[in-house]
Protein backbone atom coordinates (compact mmCIF):
# COMPACT_ATOMS: atom_id res chain seq x y z
CA MET A 1 9.17 42.09 19.85
CA ALA A 2 12.66 42.97 18.58
CA LEU A 3 12.98 39.55 16.99
CA ALA A 4 9.62 39.95 15.25
CA LEU A 5 10.58 43.39 13.92
CA GLN A 6 13.91 42.03 12.68
CA LYS A 7 12.17 39.23 10.74
CA ALA A 8 9.67 41.67 9.30
CA ALA A 9 12.49 43.97 8.22
CA THR A 10 14.44 41.24 6.48
CA GLY A 11 11.27 39.80 4.85
CA VAL A 12 12.15 36.23 5.84
CA ARG A 13 9.21 34.03 6.82
CA PRO A 14 9.44 30.36 7.79
CA ALA A 15 7.57 27.96 5.51
CA PRO A 16 4.42 26.52 7.08
CA ALA A 17 5.07 23.02 8.43
CA SER A 18 1.64 21.85 7.33
CA ARG A 19 2.42 22.55 3.68
CA THR A 20 5.64 20.53 3.84
CA SER A 21 3.89 17.56 5.47
CA THR A 22 1.09 17.76 2.90
CA VAL A 23 3.58 17.62 0.05
CA ARG A 24 5.28 14.60 1.62
CA VAL A 25 1.98 12.77 2.05
CA GLN A 26 0.99 13.52 -1.55
CA ALA A 27 4.36 12.28 -2.80
CA ALA A 28 4.08 9.09 -0.77
CA THR A 29 0.55 8.52 -2.08
CA ALA A 30 1.66 9.12 -5.66
CA ASN A 31 4.38 6.48 -5.32
CA ARG A 32 2.05 3.84 -3.87
CA PRO A 33 0.85 0.99 -6.07
CA SER A 34 -2.82 1.41 -6.90
CA TRP A 35 -5.48 -1.08 -7.91
CA PHE A 36 -6.41 1.39 -10.65
CA PRO A 37 -3.42 3.53 -11.71
CA GLY A 38 -4.23 7.20 -11.79
CA SER A 39 -7.22 6.96 -9.45
CA LYS A 40 -7.40 8.90 -6.19
CA LEU A 41 -6.70 6.63 -3.24
CA PRO A 42 -9.05 6.81 -0.23
CA ASP A 43 -7.76 8.85 2.69
CA HIS A 44 -8.50 6.08 5.18
CA LEU A 45 -6.23 3.63 3.32
CA ASP A 46 -2.71 4.92 3.93
CA GLY A 47 -0.77 1.88 2.69
CA SER A 48 0.22 0.65 6.15
CA MET A 49 -1.71 -2.63 5.85
CA PRO A 50 -0.23 -5.54 3.86
CA GLY A 51 -1.72 -5.65 0.37
CA ASP A 52 -3.30 -2.20 0.61
CA PHE A 53 -3.74 -0.94 -2.96
CA GLY A 54 -6.45 1.59 -2.16
CA PHE A 55 -9.40 -0.59 -3.18
CA ASP A 56 -12.51 0.41 -1.26
CA PRO A 57 -15.13 1.65 -3.75
CA LEU A 58 -17.95 1.34 -1.20
CA GLY A 59 -16.07 3.13 1.57
CA LEU A 60 -16.50 0.23 4.00
CA GLY A 61 -13.23 0.97 5.78
CA LYS A 62 -13.89 4.58 6.73
CA ASP A 63 -14.62 3.46 10.27
CA ALA A 64 -11.21 2.64 11.77
CA GLY A 65 -12.65 0.04 14.14
CA LYS A 66 -14.51 -1.79 11.39
CA LEU A 67 -11.50 -1.55 9.08
CA LYS A 68 -9.42 -3.44 11.66
CA TRP A 69 -12.04 -6.19 11.78
CA TYR A 70 -12.39 -6.32 7.99
CA GLN A 71 -8.63 -6.71 7.66
CA GLN A 72 -8.62 -9.72 9.99
CA ALA A 73 -11.74 -11.17 8.36
CA GLU A 74 -10.12 -11.02 4.92
CA LEU A 75 -6.91 -12.55 6.25
CA GLN A 76 -8.63 -15.46 8.01
CA ASN A 77 -11.09 -16.17 5.19
CA GLY A 78 -8.21 -16.05 2.75
CA ARG A 79 -6.24 -18.58 4.77
CA TRP A 80 -9.22 -20.92 4.87
CA ALA A 81 -9.72 -20.44 1.13
CA MET A 82 -6.09 -21.42 0.47
CA LEU A 83 -6.57 -24.58 2.53
CA GLY A 84 -9.88 -25.24 0.81
CA ALA A 85 -8.44 -24.79 -2.68
CA ALA A 86 -5.61 -27.18 -1.85
CA GLY A 87 -8.13 -29.61 -0.36
CA ILE A 88 -10.07 -29.57 -3.62
CA LEU A 89 -7.21 -29.73 -6.11
CA VAL A 90 -4.88 -32.24 -4.41
CA PRO A 91 -7.47 -35.05 -4.03
CA ASP A 92 -8.69 -34.28 -7.55
CA LEU A 93 -5.14 -34.71 -8.84
CA LEU A 94 -4.63 -37.92 -6.85
CA ARG A 95 -7.91 -39.31 -8.21
CA SER A 96 -6.82 -38.63 -11.79
CA LEU A 97 -3.58 -40.51 -11.08
CA GLY A 98 -5.37 -43.44 -9.45
CA LEU A 99 -3.94 -42.58 -6.03
CA GLY A 100 -5.27 -41.35 -2.72
CA GLY A 101 -7.56 -44.22 -1.79
CA PRO A 102 -11.36 -44.06 -1.41
CA ALA A 103 -11.33 -40.49 -0.04
CA ALA A 104 -9.75 -39.12 -3.21
CA GLN A 105 -12.45 -40.77 -5.31
CA THR A 106 -15.08 -38.52 -3.72
CA PRO A 107 -15.25 -35.09 -5.41
CA TRP A 108 -15.26 -32.04 -3.19
CA PHE A 109 -18.94 -31.26 -3.80
CA ALA A 110 -19.91 -34.75 -2.59
CA ALA A 111 -17.69 -34.73 0.50
CA GLY A 112 -20.77 -34.89 2.74
CA THR A 113 -21.67 -38.31 1.35
CA TYR A 114 -18.34 -39.90 2.30
CA ASP A 115 -18.44 -42.50 5.08
CA TYR A 116 -16.38 -40.79 7.78
CA PHE A 117 -15.50 -42.19 11.21
CA ALA A 118 -18.45 -40.21 12.64
CA PRO A 119 -21.78 -38.91 11.27
CA PRO A 120 -21.28 -35.80 9.10
CA LYS A 121 -23.79 -33.77 11.15
CA ALA A 122 -21.87 -34.53 14.34
CA LEU A 123 -18.59 -33.54 12.71
CA PHE A 124 -20.18 -30.33 11.45
CA ALA A 125 -21.48 -29.46 14.93
CA VAL A 126 -18.04 -30.01 16.48
CA MET A 127 -16.45 -27.93 13.75
CA MET A 128 -18.88 -25.04 14.34
CA PHE A 129 -18.17 -25.16 18.09
CA LEU A 130 -14.42 -24.99 17.52
CA PHE A 131 -14.85 -22.18 14.99
CA ALA A 132 -16.91 -20.18 17.47
CA TRP A 133 -14.33 -20.67 20.22
CA VAL A 134 -11.48 -19.54 17.98
CA GLU A 135 -13.36 -16.56 16.56
CA ILE A 136 -14.41 -15.32 20.01
CA ARG A 137 -10.79 -15.41 21.12
CA ARG A 138 -9.79 -13.61 17.93
CA LEU A 139 -12.33 -10.88 18.67
CA GLN A 140 -10.90 -10.54 22.17
CA ASP A 141 -7.41 -10.21 20.72
CA ILE A 142 -8.58 -7.50 18.31
CA ARG A 143 -10.28 -5.51 21.07
CA LYS A 144 -7.41 -5.97 23.51
CA PRO A 145 -4.22 -7.16 21.77
CA GLY A 146 -2.26 -9.73 23.74
CA SER A 147 -5.16 -10.62 26.05
CA VAL A 148 -5.45 -14.20 24.72
CA ASN A 149 -1.79 -15.01 24.20
CA GLN A 150 -1.71 -17.43 27.12
CA ASP A 151 -2.85 -21.03 26.70
CA PRO A 152 -6.11 -21.40 28.68
CA ILE A 153 -5.30 -25.00 29.64
CA PHE A 154 -1.51 -25.21 29.71
CA THR A 155 -0.86 -21.84 31.29
CA ASN A 156 2.92 -22.20 31.04
CA ASN A 157 2.66 -21.82 27.26
CA SER A 158 2.18 -18.35 25.81
CA LEU A 159 2.76 -16.58 22.51
CA PRO A 160 5.32 -13.81 22.10
CA ASP A 161 4.13 -10.25 21.70
CA GLY A 162 3.05 -9.60 18.14
CA GLU A 163 0.45 -7.87 16.03
CA VAL A 164 -3.08 -9.13 15.65
CA GLY A 165 -3.35 -11.78 12.95
CA TYR A 166 0.36 -12.61 13.04
CA PRO A 167 0.95 -14.04 16.52
CA GLY A 168 4.07 -16.03 15.69
CA GLY A 169 5.19 -18.50 18.34
CA ILE A 170 6.13 -22.15 18.26
CA PHE A 171 4.49 -23.06 14.93
CA ASP A 172 7.03 -21.99 12.33
CA PRO A 173 8.51 -25.23 10.94
CA LEU A 174 9.99 -23.52 7.87
CA GLY A 175 11.40 -20.52 9.72
CA TYR A 176 9.45 -17.94 7.72
CA SER A 177 9.33 -15.51 10.65
CA LYS A 178 13.08 -15.04 10.35
CA GLY A 179 12.80 -13.70 6.80
CA ASN A 180 11.33 -10.55 5.30
CA MET A 181 7.98 -10.53 7.08
CA ALA A 182 6.67 -7.42 5.32
CA GLU A 183 7.15 -9.06 1.92
CA LEU A 184 5.73 -12.39 3.09
CA LYS A 185 2.59 -10.69 4.44
CA VAL A 186 1.93 -9.13 1.03
CA LYS A 187 2.50 -12.45 -0.72
CA GLU A 188 0.16 -14.20 1.70
CA ILE A 189 -2.72 -11.77 1.26
CA LYS A 190 -2.30 -11.81 -2.54
CA ASN A 191 -2.48 -15.61 -2.60
CA ALA A 192 -5.38 -15.50 -0.13
CA ARG A 193 -7.38 -13.19 -2.40
CA LEU A 194 -6.60 -15.40 -5.39
CA ALA A 195 -7.73 -18.48 -3.46
CA MET A 196 -11.05 -16.84 -2.51
CA LEU A 197 -11.70 -15.99 -6.16
CA GLY A 198 -10.57 -19.46 -7.16
CA PHE A 199 -12.99 -21.15 -4.77
CA ALA A 200 -15.82 -19.00 -6.09
CA GLY A 201 -14.80 -20.19 -9.55
CA PHE A 202 -14.87 -23.83 -8.41
CA VAL A 203 -18.44 -23.37 -7.16
CA ALA A 204 -19.50 -21.68 -10.41
CA GLN A 205 -17.87 -24.45 -12.46
CA TYR A 206 -19.68 -27.17 -10.55
CA ASN A 207 -23.04 -25.43 -10.85
CA THR A 208 -22.48 -25.12 -14.60
CA THR A 209 -20.83 -28.42 -15.53
CA GLY A 210 -21.22 -30.67 -12.49
CA LYS A 211 -17.53 -31.56 -12.69
CA THR A 212 -14.35 -30.97 -10.69
CA PRO A 213 -11.82 -28.23 -11.60
CA LEU A 214 -9.30 -30.64 -13.12
CA GLN A 215 -12.00 -32.40 -15.11
CA ASN A 216 -13.05 -29.05 -16.53
CA LEU A 217 -9.43 -28.21 -17.30
CA ALA A 218 -8.94 -31.53 -19.10
CA ASP A 219 -12.10 -30.94 -21.17
CA HIS A 220 -10.90 -27.48 -22.14
CA LEU A 221 -7.41 -28.66 -23.10
CA ALA A 222 -8.89 -31.46 -25.19
CA ASP A 223 -11.07 -28.99 -27.11
CA PRO A 224 -9.87 -25.41 -26.40
CA TRP A 225 -12.24 -23.74 -28.88
CA GLY A 226 -15.28 -25.90 -28.28
CA THR A 227 -15.19 -26.12 -24.48
CA THR A 228 -15.18 -22.65 -22.96
CA VAL A 229 -17.11 -20.58 -20.45
CA LEU A 230 -19.38 -19.32 -23.22
CA SER A 231 -20.09 -22.76 -24.62
CA ASN A 232 -20.98 -24.11 -21.18
CA ASP A 233 -23.34 -21.23 -20.46
CA LEU A 234 -24.95 -21.38 -23.90
CA SER A 235 -25.55 -25.13 -23.56
CA ARG A 236 -27.57 -24.49 -20.42
CA LEU A 237 -29.85 -22.09 -22.29
CA HIS A 238 -30.90 -24.63 -24.91
């Protein structure tokens, strides 16, 4: 009581802690990079995820559990898109150079017609089975991190403790895990997003021109003003 009376007499009141924390959060939010400078960033995107620039116009990530799944879905689809983009462009480049053998002569959109060592439908079925096995284990890891770190067949092999989506372990031939991982994660997700957009562009190009990406690029460079997106679309309307 005496202490309270003394504070009341001197007129000194401690600043509310909540106001200080609010100011700090606002300052941190203001300093964050934004997908649209000046826009208000969603409260559920706090910048802790790699490549988080506050883009969620539909509010899909308001549910924390779904946001965790969406993050992993974007990461995995982005990695497949990067592999897919490389798998389209490299054979296309080899074909233009007269290299790569018979496989490189088959454009990506006709890959199903190539004479593989097994029937394409059988290969597709095996691929779907392996995808399902991997994705089920990924879901288990998301629900209970670390639960699938041990090899189910060779039980002596296990991954080190790590966050979901970045398990680390024996596969690191270039030693990237020893560098700045936070920076590398941002670079990876940026390239992954670019690859997903790029693959969508490859599909749109084929549906419009029926050609490969490098063939379209060569046509554009040969006639920059006559061969464009607009000219291709207008030609389809005639």
